[in-house]
């Protein structure tokens, strides 16, 4: 992930890094000039003053340029990461996205993106202070190579301790990152389950005390422990530096005639170097946090692969017929705690036809609908559109013939369907009036004025969107379940026949048995298989043609 970001902003990163290195070099030059002014007895004061002023200006401008460039780099990294993740989500296979879960995606878009972006903001501090420390070491070698070798030994010893501490701290930070993903799911439950929590005090208390509070505490504890290790290792590094200063000043430097000048130079170097070294040690953990977050984003991105090329904007395919031939799909069934097999299924769908899909909960109705619309690829068998086989190369194109309202549907506040152009608002408001929502919500500038409605009203808004999309095949998953009796009558007796009359193919998943006679075909599912429906086959249709009953062997 970090390599990807560097590649995306290589020129900006090189420019910002050069400015940071220049800032570090100018800072070391400034130190050398201060030391020279304090220790040299004979010198050209005017020349030194001009050089000092020029170097100070260089320090100021290099700092400003580096800080501005890295701020831009951090903001760009943040936006690049978010675009990268959102593009992965949009193009990922739906089944993989279901398995990944929304909480991990939300965690990546907020927490982990921020951590990685912060690394680029802290990188100039790390780079500049690394140059300052390195420059001070070089200047120290210029003054005394014996002292320089001793300094290398001390820094090496300190680096070893810091590395060992780093390995342990990273383990705690990774544990915190894993728990953070779970915590985002709990945060979502905090709002999505607000009604249930307020209606059940015991559930509310247990959720807060045993779930939410413990997860928050675990994240806090692991992060605190990990960062505390970094702080302790930074303190250890500082101690070594001060111990080094003491040994150099009081043991290594002899009582020669230049002792005062040498001690002054070393003291100035040490005092000047302690600040950058401390900043370096304290900012390295931010880089480590960014590394952990980048790895989490990498893991999430690898889990969101796409096996299908995406369709560019264009006309939806026409619909003459859809055939499911021996389609089979397996998945884990939570209620039965076992692998569930759907199929083999043989079905056909045609325009101008209303098909009801009925059966008990967990029988596989919604899974069959997801297979039909191309959200799941069949593990066995084939789906054919107008006689052409649907596979990974054309499945996204195939999905464009469907408009679906699943039971867990999502409403966008904007009408992203733009085929109606300037008439979108007028068409949308006409549909709202048709569904008796004109006093609750309007369409203004291509967006709903509010989504704060009941579930039944929100489903009617979803139906408005379905009309505006104007696709040849509509799938309704328990659409009428949240509607009052009046709108159930309107849906089954008016809207569905109207859609059939204009040539739409319609699949309705329903438990409303009092309306089963209105279907052109009735498909009953049980345990993932199609079964004969003798009861409704024997029931006469009321003012409608008798429904066709689908059996395990096809149409009867």
Protein backbone atom coordinates (compact mmCIF):
# COMPACT_ATOMS: atom_id res chain seq x y z
CA UNK A 1 0.00 0.00 0.00
CA UNK A 2 2.82 2.43 0.88
CA UNK A 3 4.55 1.52 -2.39
CA UNK A 4 1.32 2.27 -4.24
CA UNK A 5 1.05 5.71 -2.63
CA UNK A 6 4.70 6.49 -3.34
CA UNK A 7 4.18 5.52 -6.98
CA UNK A 8 1.09 7.74 -7.24
CA UNK A 9 2.94 10.82 -5.91
CA UNK A 10 6.57 10.10 -6.80
CA UNK A 11 7.44 13.61 -8.02
CA UNK A 12 5.83 15.32 -5.04
CA UNK A 13 7.48 12.90 -2.62
CA UNK A 14 10.93 13.41 -4.15
CA UNK A 15 10.53 17.20 -4.03
CA UNK A 16 9.33 17.15 -0.41
CA UNK A 17 12.08 14.74 0.62
CA UNK A 18 14.73 16.91 -1.04
CA UNK A 19 13.41 19.96 0.83
CA UNK A 20 13.51 18.02 4.12
CA UNK A 21 17.06 16.83 3.50
CA UNK A 22 18.08 20.38 2.61
CA UNK A 23 16.48 21.59 5.84
CA UNK A 24 18.47 19.02 7.82
CA UNK A 25 21.74 19.97 6.09
CA UNK A 26 21.13 23.67 6.68
CA UNK A 27 20.43 22.94 10.36
CA UNK A 28 23.74 21.09 10.73
CA UNK A 29 25.57 23.92 8.92
CA UNK A 30 23.98 26.35 11.32
CA UNK A 31 25.30 24.29 14.23
CA UNK A 32 28.80 24.25 12.73
CA UNK A 33 28.72 28.03 12.29
CA UNK A 34 27.57 28.55 15.89
CA UNK A 35 30.34 26.27 17.14
CA UNK A 36 32.90 28.06 15.01
CA UNK A 37 31.76 31.44 16.31
CA UNK A 38 32.08 30.23 19.92
CA UNK A 39 35.42 28.41 19.66
CA UNK A 40 37.49 30.18 16.99
CA UNK A 41 39.53 33.09 18.31
CA UNK A 42 40.53 34.56 14.98
CA UNK A 43 37.90 34.79 12.30
CA UNK A 44 36.22 37.13 9.87
CA UNK A 45 33.16 38.07 11.90
CA UNK A 46 31.42 39.85 9.03
CA UNK A 47 31.79 36.89 6.66
CA UNK A 48 30.59 34.51 9.35
CA UNK A 49 27.59 36.71 10.06
CA UNK A 50 26.58 36.78 6.38
CA UNK A 51 27.01 33.02 6.11
CA UNK A 52 24.99 32.54 9.28
CA UNK A 53 22.18 34.76 7.98
CA UNK A 54 22.08 32.95 4.62
CA UNK A 55 22.00 29.57 6.34
CA UNK A 56 19.23 30.70 8.71
CA UNK A 57 17.15 31.85 5.73
CA UNK A 58 17.82 28.49 4.08
CA UNK A 59 16.61 26.70 7.23
CA UNK A 60 13.41 28.76 7.25
CA UNK A 61 12.53 28.35 3.58
CA UNK A 62 13.48 24.66 3.38
CA UNK A 63 11.27 23.99 6.43
CA UNK A 64 8.33 25.88 4.94
CA UNK A 65 8.64 24.18 1.56
CA UNK A 66 9.03 20.70 3.08
CA UNK A 67 6.09 21.18 5.47
CA UNK A 68 3.77 22.47 2.72
CA UNK A 69 4.73 19.73 0.28
CA UNK A 70 4.30 16.97 2.83
CA UNK A 71 0.96 18.41 3.94
CA UNK A 72 -0.16 18.23 0.33
CA UNK A 73 1.28 14.74 0.11
CA UNK A 74 -0.61 13.64 3.24
CA UNK A 75 -3.91 14.99 1.96
CA UNK A 76 -3.34 13.41 -1.44
CA UNK A 77 -2.49 10.10 0.21
CA UNK A 78 -5.71 10.28 2.22
CA UNK A 79 -7.82 10.90 -0.87
CA UNK A 80 -5.92 8.33 -2.97
CA UNK A 81 -6.48 5.68 -0.30
CA UNK A 82 -10.18 6.42 -0.05
CA UNK A 83 -10.59 6.33 -3.83
CA UNK A 84 -8.57 3.11 -4.00
CA UNK A 85 -10.72 1.39 -1.35
CA UNK A 86 -14.05 2.66 -2.69
CA UNK A 87 -13.13 1.54 -6.21
CA UNK A 88 -12.24 -1.89 -4.82
CA UNK A 89 -15.61 -2.04 -3.05
CA UNK A 90 -17.55 -1.00 -6.16
CA UNK A 91 -15.81 -3.54 -8.41
CA UNK A 92 -15.52 -6.43 -5.91
CA UNK A 93 -17.51 -9.60 -6.38
CA UNK A 94 -20.66 -9.27 -4.28
CA UNK A 95 -20.17 -12.54 -2.41
CA UNK A 96 -16.67 -11.54 -1.34
CA UNK A 97 -17.99 -8.21 -0.13
CA UNK A 98 -20.64 -9.98 1.95
CA UNK A 99 -17.99 -12.20 3.55
CA UNK A 100 -15.69 -9.25 4.23
CA UNK A 101 -18.35 -7.26 6.08
CA UNK A 102 -19.15 -3.56 6.20
CA UNK A 103 -17.31 -2.95 9.48
CA UNK A 104 -13.87 -3.77 8.05
CA UNK A 105 -14.49 -1.53 5.05
CA UNK A 106 -15.61 1.35 7.29
CA UNK A 107 -12.56 0.86 9.50
CA UNK A 108 -10.28 0.99 6.47
CA UNK A 109 -11.93 4.15 5.09
CA UNK A 110 -11.70 6.03 8.37
CA UNK A 111 -9.15 4.76 10.90
CA UNK A 112 -6.55 3.10 8.67
CA UNK A 113 -6.63 5.74 5.91
CA UNK A 114 -6.04 8.44 8.52
CA UNK A 115 -3.10 6.54 10.03
CA UNK A 116 -1.38 6.13 6.68
CA UNK A 117 -1.96 9.78 5.77
CA UNK A 118 -0.49 10.86 9.12
CA UNK A 119 2.68 8.98 8.24
CA UNK A 120 3.29 11.34 5.32
CA UNK A 121 2.76 14.30 7.64
CA UNK A 122 5.30 12.90 10.11
CA UNK A 123 7.74 11.78 7.41
CA UNK A 124 9.44 15.21 7.08
CA UNK A 125 10.06 15.22 10.83
CA UNK A 126 11.63 11.76 10.60
CA UNK A 127 13.66 12.59 7.49
CA UNK A 128 14.85 16.01 8.66
CA UNK A 129 15.87 14.86 12.11
CA UNK A 130 17.56 11.78 10.68
CA UNK A 131 19.67 14.10 8.51
CA UNK A 132 20.41 16.33 11.52
CA UNK A 133 21.50 13.35 13.65
CA UNK A 134 23.59 11.95 10.81
CA UNK A 135 25.15 15.36 10.15
CA UNK A 136 26.00 15.77 13.82
CA UNK A 137 27.68 12.36 13.77
CA UNK A 138 29.74 13.34 10.72
CA UNK A 139 30.74 16.61 12.40
CA UNK A 140 31.63 14.63 15.50
CA UNK A 141 33.89 12.38 13.39
CA UNK A 142 35.53 15.50 12.02
CA UNK A 143 36.31 16.66 15.55
CA UNK A 144 37.43 13.23 16.87
CA UNK A 145 37.20 9.83 15.18
CA UNK A 146 37.64 8.03 18.55
CA UNK A 147 34.57 9.75 19.95
CA UNK A 148 32.71 9.03 16.70
CA UNK A 149 33.41 5.28 16.96
CA UNK A 150 32.19 5.30 20.55
CA UNK A 151 29.04 7.14 19.45
CA UNK A 152 28.40 4.52 16.73
CA UNK A 153 28.73 1.79 19.38
CA UNK A 154 26.25 3.51 21.69
CA UNK A 155 23.74 4.18 18.89
CA UNK A 156 24.03 0.59 17.68
CA UNK A 157 23.37 -0.71 21.19
CA UNK A 158 20.40 1.62 21.54
CA UNK A 159 19.04 0.64 18.11
CA UNK A 160 19.12 -3.05 19.04
CA UNK A 161 17.01 -2.39 22.15
CA UNK A 162 14.65 -0.19 20.15
CA UNK A 163 14.23 -2.88 17.47
CA UNK A 164 13.34 -5.56 20.02
CA UNK A 165 10.85 -3.19 21.65
CA UNK A 166 9.47 -2.34 18.20
CA UNK A 167 8.68 -6.00 17.45
CA UNK A 168 6.70 -6.40 20.64
CA UNK A 169 4.90 -3.08 20.25
CA UNK A 170 3.80 -3.96 16.72
CA UNK A 171 2.09 -7.13 17.99
CA UNK A 172 -0.02 -5.07 20.40
CA UNK A 173 -0.85 -2.52 17.69
CA UNK A 174 -1.96 -5.30 15.32
CA UNK A 175 -4.19 -6.75 18.04
CA UNK A 176 -5.70 -3.29 18.53
CA UNK A 177 -6.26 -2.98 14.77
CA UNK A 178 -8.11 -6.32 14.66
CA UNK A 179 -10.31 -5.30 17.57
CA UNK A 180 -10.92 -1.94 15.93
CA UNK A 181 -12.63 -3.70 13.00
CA UNK A 182 -14.99 -5.42 15.44
CA UNK A 183 -15.59 -2.14 17.25
CA UNK A 184 -16.85 -0.49 14.06
CA UNK A 185 -19.45 -3.25 13.77
CA UNK A 186 -20.51 -2.56 17.36
CA UNK A 187 -20.76 1.16 16.60
CA UNK A 188 -23.08 0.35 13.71
CA UNK A 189 -25.21 -1.80 16.02
CA UNK A 190 -25.37 1.13 18.42
CA UNK A 191 -27.44 3.13 15.92
CA UNK A 192 -29.09 0.40 13.84
CA UNK A 193 -30.29 -1.36 16.99
CA UNK A 194 -31.30 1.78 18.88
CA UNK A 195 -34.97 0.74 19.13
CA UNK A 196 -34.17 -2.71 20.46
CA UNK A 197 -31.70 -1.37 23.00
CA UNK A 198 -34.20 1.13 24.38
CA UNK A 199 -36.96 -1.45 24.63
CA UNK A 200 -34.84 -3.95 26.57
CA UNK A 201 -32.86 -2.63 29.51
CA UNK A 202 -31.07 -5.93 30.14
CA UNK A 203 -29.98 -6.13 26.49
CA UNK A 204 -28.86 -2.49 26.59
CA UNK A 205 -26.84 -3.01 29.75
CA UNK A 206 -25.24 -6.23 28.51
CA UNK A 207 -24.38 -4.68 25.14
CA UNK A 208 -22.72 -1.71 26.82
CA UNK A 209 -20.94 -3.54 29.66
CA UNK A 210 -19.99 -6.85 28.05
CA UNK A 211 -19.57 -5.91 24.40
CA UNK A 212 -19.04 -2.23 23.64
CA UNK A 213 -17.13 -1.22 26.76
CA UNK A 214 -14.87 -4.29 26.65
CA UNK A 215 -14.05 -3.74 22.99
CA UNK A 216 -13.27 -0.06 23.53
CA UNK A 217 -11.16 -0.95 26.54
CA UNK A 218 -9.26 -3.61 24.61
CA UNK A 219 -8.41 -1.16 21.82
CA UNK A 220 -7.31 1.40 24.41
CA UNK A 221 -5.26 -1.10 26.41
CA UNK A 222 -3.46 -2.63 23.44
CA UNK A 223 -2.69 0.72 21.82
CA UNK A 224 -1.59 2.25 25.10
CA UNK A 225 0.69 -0.69 25.83
CA UNK A 226 2.15 -0.67 22.33
CA UNK A 227 2.78 3.08 22.33
CA UNK A 228 4.12 2.93 25.89
CA UNK A 229 6.75 0.48 24.71
CA UNK A 230 7.78 2.98 22.03
CA UNK A 231 7.94 5.80 24.58
CA UNK A 232 9.98 3.64 26.97
CA UNK A 233 12.38 2.73 24.19
CA UNK A 234 12.68 6.42 23.29
CA UNK A 235 13.51 7.16 26.93
CA UNK A 236 16.13 4.40 26.83
CA UNK A 237 17.65 6.04 23.76
CA UNK A 238 17.76 9.42 25.48
CA UNK A 239 19.43 7.89 28.51
CA UNK A 240 22.12 6.39 26.31
CA UNK A 241 22.73 9.76 24.69
CA UNK A 242 23.11 11.54 28.03
CA UNK A 243 25.32 8.70 29.31
CA UNK A 244 27.39 9.11 26.17
CA UNK A 245 27.67 12.86 26.78
CA UNK A 246 28.88 12.24 30.32
CA UNK A 247 31.46 9.67 29.28
CA UNK A 248 32.80 11.88 26.49
CA UNK A 249 33.01 15.05 28.59
CA UNK A 250 34.38 13.52 31.74
CA UNK A 251 36.32 10.44 30.61
CA UNK A 252 37.28 10.49 26.94
CA UNK A 253 38.36 14.13 26.69
CA UNK A 254 41.74 14.59 28.40
CA UNK A 255 43.12 17.68 30.12
CA UNK A 256 44.94 19.03 27.08
CA UNK A 257 45.25 22.72 26.21
CA UNK A 258 42.24 22.61 23.87
CA UNK A 259 40.00 20.78 26.37
CA UNK A 260 37.64 23.72 26.84
CA UNK A 261 37.17 24.27 23.12
CA UNK A 262 36.63 20.56 22.47
CA UNK A 263 34.16 20.21 25.34
CA UNK A 264 32.28 23.29 24.15
CA UNK A 265 32.00 21.83 20.65
CA UNK A 266 30.87 18.42 21.86
CA UNK A 267 28.42 19.87 24.39
CA UNK A 268 26.88 22.03 21.66
CA UNK A 269 26.61 19.05 19.32
CA UNK A 270 25.06 16.85 21.99
CA UNK A 271 22.56 19.42 23.14
CA UNK A 272 21.64 20.21 19.55
CA UNK A 273 21.32 16.53 18.65
CA UNK A 274 19.17 15.46 21.61
CA UNK A 275 16.08 17.32 20.38
CA UNK A 276 16.12 15.88 16.83
CA UNK A 277 16.94 12.42 18.18
CA UNK A 278 14.01 12.56 20.61
CA UNK A 279 11.68 13.79 17.84
CA UNK A 280 12.96 10.98 15.64
CA UNK A 281 12.29 8.32 18.25
CA UNK A 282 8.82 9.67 19.05
CA UNK A 283 7.74 9.94 15.39
CA UNK A 284 8.92 6.51 14.32
CA UNK A 285 5.90 4.94 16.12
CA UNK A 286 3.61 6.91 13.81
CA UNK A 287 5.38 5.25 10.91
CA UNK A 288 4.84 1.90 12.60
CA UNK A 289 1.14 2.64 13.07
CA UNK A 290 0.96 3.58 9.40
CA UNK A 291 2.65 0.30 8.53
CA UNK A 292 0.07 -1.68 10.52
CA UNK A 293 -2.79 0.28 8.93
CA UNK A 294 -1.34 -0.12 5.45
CA UNK A 295 -1.10 -3.87 6.00
CA UNK A 296 -4.74 -3.93 7.12
CA UNK A 297 -5.75 -2.04 3.98
CA UNK A 298 -3.69 -4.48 1.91
CA UNK A 299 -5.49 -7.42 3.53
CA UNK A 300 -8.89 -5.86 2.86
CA UNK A 301 -7.97 -4.98 -0.73
CA UNK A 302 -6.78 -8.55 -1.39
CA UNK A 303 -10.13 -9.83 -0.08
CA UNK A 304 -12.01 -7.65 -2.58
CA UNK A 305 -11.02 -9.13 -5.90
CA UNK A 306 -13.09 -8.91 -9.06
CA UNK A 307 -13.40 -11.65 -11.64
CA UNK A 308 -15.55 -9.56 -13.99
CA UNK A 309 -14.75 -6.68 -16.35
CA UNK A 310 -16.91 -3.65 -15.62
CA UNK A 311 -19.41 -2.41 -18.19
CA UNK A 312 -19.03 1.12 -19.45
CA UNK A 313 -22.04 3.38 -19.72
CA UNK A 314 -24.37 2.22 -22.42
CA UNK A 315 -27.76 0.82 -23.26
CA UNK A 316 -29.04 -2.07 -21.14
CA UNK A 317 -29.34 -5.41 -22.97
CA UNK A 318 -32.74 -6.38 -24.30
CA UNK A 319 -34.74 -9.17 -22.70
CA UNK A 320 -36.36 -11.95 -24.69
CA UNK A 321 -35.92 -14.77 -22.23
CA UNK A 322 -33.73 -15.94 -19.35
CA UNK A 323 -33.02 -19.61 -18.73
CA UNK A 324 -31.58 -21.21 -15.63
CA UNK A 325 -30.27 -24.66 -16.52
CA UNK A 326 -29.37 -27.00 -13.62
CA UNK A 327 -28.14 -24.00 -11.60
CA UNK A 328 -26.64 -24.98 -8.25
CA UNK A 329 -25.19 -22.92 -5.40
CA UNK A 330 -23.84 -23.87 -1.96
CA UNK A 331 -23.48 -21.68 1.09
CA UNK A 332 -23.36 -21.89 4.88
CA UNK A 333 -26.84 -22.01 6.42
CA UNK A 334 -26.77 -20.39 9.85
CA UNK A 335 -30.09 -21.80 11.07
CA UNK A 336 -29.07 -25.38 10.32
CA UNK A 337 -25.34 -24.88 11.01
CA UNK A 338 -24.39 -26.74 7.85
CA UNK A 339 -23.65 -26.22 4.18
CA UNK A 340 -26.87 -25.58 2.28
CA UNK A 341 -27.33 -26.61 -1.35
CA UNK A 342 -29.65 -24.60 -3.59
CA UNK A 343 -30.69 -26.48 -6.69
CA UNK A 344 -30.35 -27.82 -9.20
CA UNK A 345 -32.81 -25.25 -10.56
CA UNK A 346 -34.35 -25.20 -14.04
CA UNK A 347 -36.42 -22.08 -14.79
CA UNK A 348 -37.36 -19.71 -17.59
CA UNK A 349 -38.51 -16.08 -17.46
CA UNK A 350 -40.12 -14.00 -20.20
CA UNK A 351 -41.23 -10.36 -20.59
CA UNK A 352 -44.81 -9.55 -19.64
CA UNK A 353 -44.96 -12.24 -16.99
CA UNK A 354 -45.52 -12.08 -13.22
CA UNK A 355 -43.81 -14.87 -11.28
CA UNK A 356 -44.34 -15.41 -7.56
CA UNK A 357 -41.56 -17.13 -5.59
CA UNK A 358 -42.92 -18.51 -2.31
CA UNK A 359 -41.73 -20.76 0.48
CA UNK A 360 -40.70 -20.79 4.12
CA UNK A 361 -37.96 -18.73 5.71
CA UNK A 362 -34.53 -20.12 4.89
CA UNK A 363 -35.76 -22.09 1.92
CA UNK A 364 -33.39 -20.26 -0.45
CA UNK A 365 -35.71 -17.73 -2.11
CA UNK A 366 -33.47 -14.67 -1.75
CA UNK A 367 -30.39 -16.69 -2.71
CA UNK A 368 -32.16 -17.81 -5.87
CA UNK A 369 -33.00 -14.17 -6.62
CA UNK A 370 -29.33 -13.20 -6.18
CA UNK A 371 -28.33 -15.99 -8.55
CA UNK A 372 -30.93 -14.86 -11.07
CA UNK A 373 -29.82 -11.20 -11.09
CA UNK A 374 -26.12 -12.11 -11.32
CA UNK A 375 -24.97 -11.14 -7.83
CA UNK A 376 -23.84 -14.75 -7.27
CA UNK A 377 -22.29 -16.81 -10.06
CA UNK A 378 -23.66 -20.38 -10.17
CA UNK A 379 -21.22 -23.04 -9.00
CA UNK A 380 -22.78 -25.51 -11.43
CA UNK A 381 -25.18 -25.18 -14.30
CA UNK A 382 -25.67 -22.18 -16.56
CA UNK A 383 -27.68 -18.98 -16.97
CA UNK A 384 -28.56 -17.92 -20.51
CA UNK A 385 -29.83 -14.53 -21.66
CA UNK A 386 -31.58 -14.69 -25.04
CA UNK A 387 -29.72 -17.94 -25.66
CA UNK A 388 -26.26 -16.55 -24.82
CA UNK A 389 -24.29 -18.03 -21.92
CA UNK A 390 -23.63 -15.69 -19.00
CA UNK A 391 -20.09 -15.90 -17.60
CA UNK A 392 -17.53 -13.66 -15.92
CA UNK A 393 -16.90 -11.70 -19.11
CA UNK A 394 -20.51 -10.52 -19.53
CA UNK A 395 -22.14 -10.96 -16.12
CA UNK A 396 -21.94 -7.24 -15.27
CA UNK A 397 -23.60 -6.45 -18.60
CA UNK A 398 -26.27 -9.05 -17.81
CA UNK A 399 -27.03 -7.44 -14.43
CA UNK A 400 -28.02 -4.22 -16.16
CA UNK A 401 -31.41 -5.65 -17.15
CA UNK A 402 -32.51 -5.94 -13.51
CA UNK A 403 -33.96 -3.55 -10.98
CA UNK A 404 -34.22 -5.10 -7.52
CA UNK A 405 -35.69 -4.12 -4.18
CA UNK A 406 -34.33 -6.63 -1.69
CA UNK A 407 -35.60 -6.79 1.87
CA UNK A 408 -32.34 -5.15 3.04
CA UNK A 409 -32.44 -2.52 0.29
CA UNK A 410 -30.53 0.76 0.49
CA UNK A 411 -31.84 4.16 -0.58
CA UNK A 412 -29.47 6.79 -1.95
CA UNK A 413 -30.56 10.34 -1.22
CA UNK A 414 -29.78 11.30 -4.82
CA UNK A 415 -31.51 9.85 -7.85
CA UNK A 416 -28.48 8.45 -9.60
CA UNK A 417 -30.60 7.28 -12.53
CA UNK A 418 -30.18 10.14 -15.03
CA UNK A 419 -31.80 8.75 -18.16
CA UNK A 420 -34.75 11.13 -17.80
CA UNK A 421 -32.55 14.23 -17.99
CA UNK A 422 -34.34 17.48 -17.23
CA UNK A 423 -37.64 15.69 -16.63
CA UNK A 424 -36.27 13.64 -13.74
CA UNK A 425 -37.79 15.86 -11.02
CA UNK A 426 -41.19 15.99 -12.74
CA UNK A 427 -41.27 12.26 -13.39
CA UNK A 428 -40.16 11.50 -9.83
CA UNK A 429 -42.79 13.77 -8.28
CA UNK A 430 -45.51 12.23 -10.44
CA UNK A 431 -44.55 8.79 -9.14
CA UNK A 432 -44.49 10.08 -5.56
CA UNK A 433 -48.04 11.35 -6.02
CA UNK A 434 -49.06 8.00 -7.48
CA UNK A 435 -47.72 6.29 -4.33
CA UNK A 436 -49.33 8.90 -2.02
CA UNK A 437 -45.99 10.29 -0.83
CA UNK A 438 -46.26 13.79 -2.28
CA UNK A 439 -46.99 15.31 1.15
CA UNK A 440 -43.99 13.57 2.76
CA UNK A 441 -41.17 13.98 0.26
CA UNK A 442 -40.37 15.69 -3.01
CA UNK A 443 -37.78 15.23 -5.74
CA UNK A 444 -35.74 18.42 -6.02
CA UNK A 445 -32.64 18.81 -8.20
CA UNK A 446 -32.45 15.07 -8.68
CA UNK A 447 -32.59 14.17 -4.99
CA UNK A 448 -35.18 13.25 -2.37
CA UNK A 449 -35.81 16.07 0.09
CA UNK A 450 -35.83 13.57 2.99
CA UNK A 451 -35.31 9.89 3.73
CA UNK A 452 -36.62 10.13 7.29
CA UNK A 453 -39.67 8.00 6.66
CA UNK A 454 -41.15 4.74 7.86
CA UNK A 455 -39.87 1.49 6.38
CA UNK A 456 -43.00 1.10 4.29
CA UNK A 457 -42.67 4.62 2.92
CA UNK A 458 -38.98 4.08 2.20
CA UNK A 459 -39.93 1.00 0.19
CA UNK A 460 -42.29 3.13 -1.83
CA UNK A 461 -39.39 5.51 -2.50
CA UNK A 462 -37.38 2.51 -3.67
CA UNK A 463 -40.26 1.67 -6.00
CA UNK A 464 -40.07 5.21 -7.42
CA UNK A 465 -36.38 4.59 -8.17
CA UNK A 466 -37.27 1.25 -9.78
CA UNK A 467 -39.75 2.98 -12.09
CA UNK A 468 -37.17 5.63 -13.03
CA UNK A 469 -34.51 3.04 -13.83
CA UNK A 470 -36.91 1.53 -16.38
CA UNK A 471 -35.18 -1.85 -16.58
CA UNK A 472 -36.88 -4.83 -18.32
CA UNK A 473 -36.83 -7.17 -15.28
CA UNK A 474 -37.98 -6.18 -11.75
CA UNK A 475 -37.41 -8.26 -8.61
CA UNK A 476 -39.35 -7.51 -5.41
CA UNK A 477 -38.18 -9.28 -2.25
CA UNK A 478 -41.02 -9.06 0.30
CA UNK A 479 -41.80 -5.53 -0.89
CA UNK A 480 -45.33 -5.54 0.52
CA UNK A 481 -44.33 -6.91 3.94
CA UNK A 482 -44.13 -3.41 5.49
CA UNK A 483 -47.09 -1.91 3.66
CA UNK A 484 -50.52 -1.29 5.10
CA UNK A 485 -53.48 -3.20 3.60
CA UNK A 486 -54.37 -0.35 1.23
CA UNK A 487 -50.95 -0.30 -0.41
CA UNK A 488 -50.79 -4.06 -0.53
CA UNK A 489 -53.94 -3.94 -2.62
CA UNK A 490 -52.48 -1.22 -4.82
CA UNK A 491 -49.22 -3.14 -5.27
CA UNK A 492 -50.74 -6.49 -6.16
CA UNK A 493 -53.87 -5.36 -8.03
CA UNK A 494 -52.64 -2.20 -9.77
CA UNK A 495 -48.87 -1.79 -9.91
CA UNK A 496 -47.89 -5.34 -10.85
CA UNK A 497 -50.50 -5.67 -13.67
CA UNK A 498 -49.48 -2.24 -14.92
CA UNK A 499 -45.81 -3.26 -15.09
CA UNK A 500 -46.73 -6.51 -16.82
CA UNK A 501 -48.82 -4.61 -19.35
CA UNK A 502 -45.83 -2.56 -20.47
CA UNK A 503 -43.79 -5.73 -20.99
CA UNK A 504 -41.81 -6.03 -17.78
CA UNK A 505 -40.72 -9.40 -16.44
CA UNK A 506 -41.49 -9.50 -12.71
CA UNK A 507 -40.37 -11.79 -9.90
CA UNK A 508 -42.12 -11.29 -6.55
CA UNK A 509 -40.90 -13.04 -3.40
CA UNK A 510 -43.91 -13.06 -1.12
CA UNK A 511 -45.68 -14.67 1.83
CA UNK A 512 -49.02 -12.97 1.03
CA UNK A 513 -50.93 -16.13 0.10
CA UNK A 514 -54.18 -14.22 -0.41
CA UNK A 515 -52.61 -12.74 -3.57
CA UNK A 516 -51.00 -15.89 -4.97
CA UNK A 517 -53.82 -16.31 -7.48
CA UNK A 518 -52.73 -13.08 -9.19
CA UNK A 519 -49.49 -14.62 -10.43
CA UNK A 520 -49.00 -15.93 -13.94
CA UNK A 521 -46.70 -18.53 -12.38
CA UNK A 522 -46.21 -19.72 -8.83
CA UNK A 523 -42.82 -21.13 -7.82
CA UNK A 524 -42.59 -22.83 -4.44
CA UNK A 525 -39.27 -23.57 -2.78
CA UNK A 526 -38.44 -25.89 0.09
CA UNK A 527 -34.93 -26.64 1.34
CA UNK A 528 -33.38 -25.15 -1.76
CA UNK A 529 -35.46 -27.11 -4.26
CA UNK A 530 -38.52 -26.45 -6.36
CA UNK A 531 -41.51 -28.56 -5.30
CA UNK A 532 -45.01 -29.10 -6.71
CA UNK A 533 -47.68 -26.80 -5.24
CA UNK A 534 -50.77 -28.99 -5.25
CA UNK A 535 -52.83 -26.69 -3.03
CA UNK A 536 -52.61 -23.71 -5.34
CA UNK A 537 -52.78 -25.84 -8.43
CA UNK A 538 -56.24 -26.92 -7.28
CA UNK A 539 -57.41 -23.43 -6.33
CA UNK A 540 -59.32 -21.59 -9.04
CA UNK A 541 -58.14 -18.11 -9.92
CA UNK A 542 -60.55 -15.30 -9.13
CA UNK A 543 -61.10 -13.15 -12.22
CA UNK A 544 -57.58 -14.09 -13.31
CA UNK A 545 -56.11 -16.90 -15.36
CA UNK A 546 -55.01 -19.96 -13.43
CA UNK A 547 -51.36 -19.64 -12.31
CA UNK A 548 -48.78 -21.98 -13.78
CA UNK A 549 -47.19 -24.15 -11.09
CA UNK A 550 -43.46 -24.83 -11.26
CA UNK A 551 -42.33 -28.27 -10.21
CA UNK A 552 -38.90 -29.77 -9.72
CA UNK A 553 -38.93 -30.95 -13.34
CA UNK A 554 -40.01 -27.66 -14.90
CA UNK A 555 -43.38 -26.18 -15.83
CA UNK A 556 -46.70 -27.98 -15.27
